[in-house]
Amino acid sequence: MSEPLAVPAPLLLLVAVLALVAVVMLWKLLMVAGLIGLAQWAVITQTEDPTAVLVVVGVPALVLAVLLRRAASRTGPRAGLFPRSARRLEVIR
């Protein structure tokens, strides 16, 4: 029989750290989405004012649309939603 392959400790540590970062980011995303949904539910069920409903549903949708458009229109090594460091590099040069 052959021996089982041993995984190096640094690789295990790297995988564990990356998994922890992914869990924390997902938890934050779910918390924000839950709070937005809770606020929308509260406004929609407690008021009949169409302007309030439009605002509570429309503002998060507009923010998401802007962020997605910014993310899709960026290219290059400094792409991202908030490329401030790229602007600083351009000013320095």
C-alpha atoms as a PDB file:
ATOM      1  CA  MET A   1       0.000   0.000   0.000  1.00  0.00           C
ATOM      2  CA  SER A   2       1.114   3.521  -0.653  1.00  0.00           C
ATOM      3  CA  GLU A   3       1.226   6.203   2.014  1.00  0.00           C
ATOM      4  CA  PRO A   4      -1.398   8.960   1.952  1.00  0.00           C
ATOM      5  CA  LEU A   5      -0.129  12.275   0.659  1.00  0.00           C
ATOM      6  CA  ALA A   6       0.636  14.789   3.370  1.00  0.00           C
ATOM      7  CA  VAL A   7      -0.537  18.353   2.819  1.00  0.00           C
ATOM      8  CA  PRO A   8       2.058  20.955   3.826  1.00  0.00           C
ATOM      9  CA  ALA A   9       1.148  22.990   6.902  1.00  0.00           C
ATOM     10  CA  PRO A  10       1.544  26.410   5.167  1.00  0.00           C
ATOM     11  CA  LEU A  11      -0.921  25.343   2.486  1.00  0.00           C
ATOM     12  CA  LEU A  12      -3.433  24.247   5.119  1.00  0.00           C
ATOM     13  CA  LEU A  13      -2.993  27.562   6.928  1.00  0.00           C
ATOM     14  CA  LEU A  14      -3.519  29.500   3.695  1.00  0.00           C
ATOM     15  CA  VAL A  15      -6.676  27.559   2.880  1.00  0.00           C
ATOM     16  CA  ALA A  16      -7.995  28.098   6.416  1.00  0.00           C
ATOM     17  CA  VAL A  17      -7.370  31.855   6.266  1.00  0.00           C
ATOM     18  CA  LEU A  18      -9.004  32.155   2.845  1.00  0.00           C
ATOM     19  CA  ALA A  19     -12.017  30.172   4.060  1.00  0.00           C
ATOM     20  CA  LEU A  20     -12.316  32.417   7.113  1.00  0.00           C
ATOM     21  CA  VAL A  21     -12.182  35.553   4.966  1.00  0.00           C
ATOM     22  CA  ALA A  22     -14.853  34.125   2.656  1.00  0.00           C
ATOM     23  CA  VAL A  23     -17.129  33.291   5.605  1.00  0.00           C
ATOM     24  CA  VAL A  24     -16.720  36.773   7.128  1.00  0.00           C
ATOM     25  CA  MET A  25     -17.424  38.503   3.800  1.00  0.00           C
ATOM     26  CA  LEU A  26     -20.477  36.331   3.166  1.00  0.00           C
ATOM     27  CA  TRP A  27     -21.763  36.978   6.691  1.00  0.00           C
ATOM     28  CA  LYS A  28     -21.419  40.752   6.223  1.00  0.00           C
ATOM     29  CA  LEU A  29     -23.175  40.557   2.861  1.00  0.00           C
ATOM     30  CA  LEU A  30     -26.045  38.546   4.333  1.00  0.00           C
ATOM     31  CA  MET A  31     -26.389  40.927   7.287  1.00  0.00           C
ATOM     32  CA  VAL A  32     -26.596  43.999   5.027  1.00  0.00           C
ATOM     33  CA  ALA A  33     -29.062  42.284   2.696  1.00  0.00           C
ATOM     34  CA  GLY A  34     -31.162  41.218   5.680  1.00  0.00           C
ATOM     35  CA  LEU A  35     -31.224  44.732   7.121  1.00  0.00           C
ATOM     36  CA  ILE A  36     -32.197  46.234   3.766  1.00  0.00           C
ATOM     37  CA  GLY A  37     -34.934  43.631   3.377  1.00  0.00           C
ATOM     38  CA  LEU A  38     -36.183  44.246   6.912  1.00  0.00           C
ATOM     39  CA  ALA A  39     -36.367  47.995   6.308  1.00  0.00           C
ATOM     40  CA  GLN A  40     -38.217  47.450   3.033  1.00  0.00           C
ATOM     41  CA  TRP A  41     -40.658  45.046   4.648  1.00  0.00           C
ATOM     42  CA  ALA A  42     -41.312  47.458   7.533  1.00  0.00           C
ATOM     43  CA  VAL A  43     -42.035  50.407   5.244  1.00  0.00           C
ATOM     44  CA  ILE A  44     -44.140  48.428   2.770  1.00  0.00           C
ATOM     45  CA  THR A  45     -46.300  46.842   5.471  1.00  0.00           C
ATOM     46  CA  GLN A  46     -46.706  49.953   7.641  1.00  0.00           C
ATOM     47  CA  THR A  47     -47.504  52.605   5.054  1.00  0.00           C
ATOM     48  CA  GLU A  48     -49.670  53.007   1.998  1.00  0.00           C
ATOM     49  CA  ASP A  49     -47.754  56.025   0.718  1.00  0.00           C
ATOM     50  CA  PRO A  50     -46.510  55.111  -2.770  1.00  0.00           C
ATOM     51  CA  THR A  51     -43.640  57.616  -2.515  1.00  0.00           C
ATOM     52  CA  ALA A  52     -42.257  55.924   0.603  1.00  0.00           C
ATOM     53  CA  VAL A  53     -42.513  52.515  -1.030  1.00  0.00           C
ATOM     54  CA  LEU A  54     -40.810  53.819  -4.175  1.00  0.00           C
ATOM     55  CA  VAL A  55     -37.959  55.304  -2.139  1.00  0.00           C
ATOM     56  CA  VAL A  56     -37.415  52.264   0.060  1.00  0.00           C
ATOM     57  CA  VAL A  57     -37.367  49.912  -2.930  1.00  0.00           C
ATOM     58  CA  GLY A  58     -35.753  52.225  -5.480  1.00  0.00           C
ATOM     59  CA  VAL A  59     -32.762  53.601  -3.564  1.00  0.00           C
ATOM     60  CA  PRO A  60     -31.064  50.230  -2.914  1.00  0.00           C
ATOM     61  CA  ALA A  61     -31.744  49.230  -6.520  1.00  0.00           C
ATOM     62  CA  LEU A  62     -30.159  52.435  -7.823  1.00  0.00           C
ATOM     63  CA  VAL A  63     -27.118  52.033  -5.582  1.00  0.00           C
ATOM     64  CA  LEU A  64     -26.659  48.463  -6.779  1.00  0.00           C
ATOM     65  CA  ALA A  65     -27.037  49.515 -10.418  1.00  0.00           C
ATOM     66  CA  VAL A  66     -24.385  52.218 -10.023  1.00  0.00           C
ATOM     67  CA  LEU A  67     -21.947  49.857  -8.315  1.00  0.00           C
ATOM     68  CA  LEU A  68     -22.443  47.140 -10.925  1.00  0.00           C
ATOM     69  CA  ARG A  69     -21.979  49.635 -13.749  1.00  0.00           C
ATOM     70  CA  ARG A  70     -18.782  50.961 -12.184  1.00  0.00           C
ATOM     71  CA  ALA A  71     -17.467  47.435 -11.699  1.00  0.00           C
ATOM     72  CA  ALA A  72     -18.292  46.432 -15.276  1.00  0.00           C
ATOM     73  CA  SER A  73     -16.764  49.528 -16.867  1.00  0.00           C
ATOM     74  CA  ARG A  74     -13.373  49.251 -15.131  1.00  0.00           C
ATOM     75  CA  THR A  75     -10.572  47.347 -16.827  1.00  0.00           C
ATOM     76  CA  GLY A  76      -6.887  46.901 -16.224  1.00  0.00           C
ATOM     77  CA  PRO A  77      -4.779  46.011 -13.210  1.00  0.00           C
ATOM     78  CA  ARG A  78      -6.468  48.576 -10.943  1.00  0.00           C
ATOM     79  CA  ALA A  79     -10.042  47.536 -11.738  1.00  0.00           C
ATOM     80  CA  GLY A  80     -12.615  47.533  -8.988  1.00  0.00           C
ATOM     81  CA  LEU A  81     -15.483  49.426  -7.475  1.00  0.00           C
ATOM     82  CA  PHE A  82     -13.379  51.995  -5.644  1.00  0.00           C
ATOM     83  CA  PRO A  83     -10.022  52.392  -7.444  1.00  0.00           C
ATOM     84  CA  ARG A  84      -8.696  55.289  -5.338  1.00  0.00           C
ATOM     85  CA  SER A  85      -5.184  53.896  -5.323  1.00  0.00           C
ATOM     86  CA  ALA A  86      -5.139  54.005  -9.132  1.00  0.00           C
ATOM     87  CA  ARG A  87      -6.044  57.701  -9.051  1.00  0.00           C
ATOM     88  CA  ARG A  88      -3.265  58.382  -6.567  1.00  0.00           C
ATOM     89  CA  LEU A  89      -0.773  56.582  -8.803  1.00  0.00           C
ATOM     90  CA  GLU A  90      -1.836  58.703 -11.790  1.00  0.00           C
ATOM     91  CA  VAL A  91      -1.374  61.916  -9.789  1.00  0.00           C
ATOM     92  CA  ILE A  92       2.079  60.867  -8.592  1.00  0.00           C
ATOM     93  CA  ARG A  93       3.318  60.055 -12.098  1.00  0.00           C
END
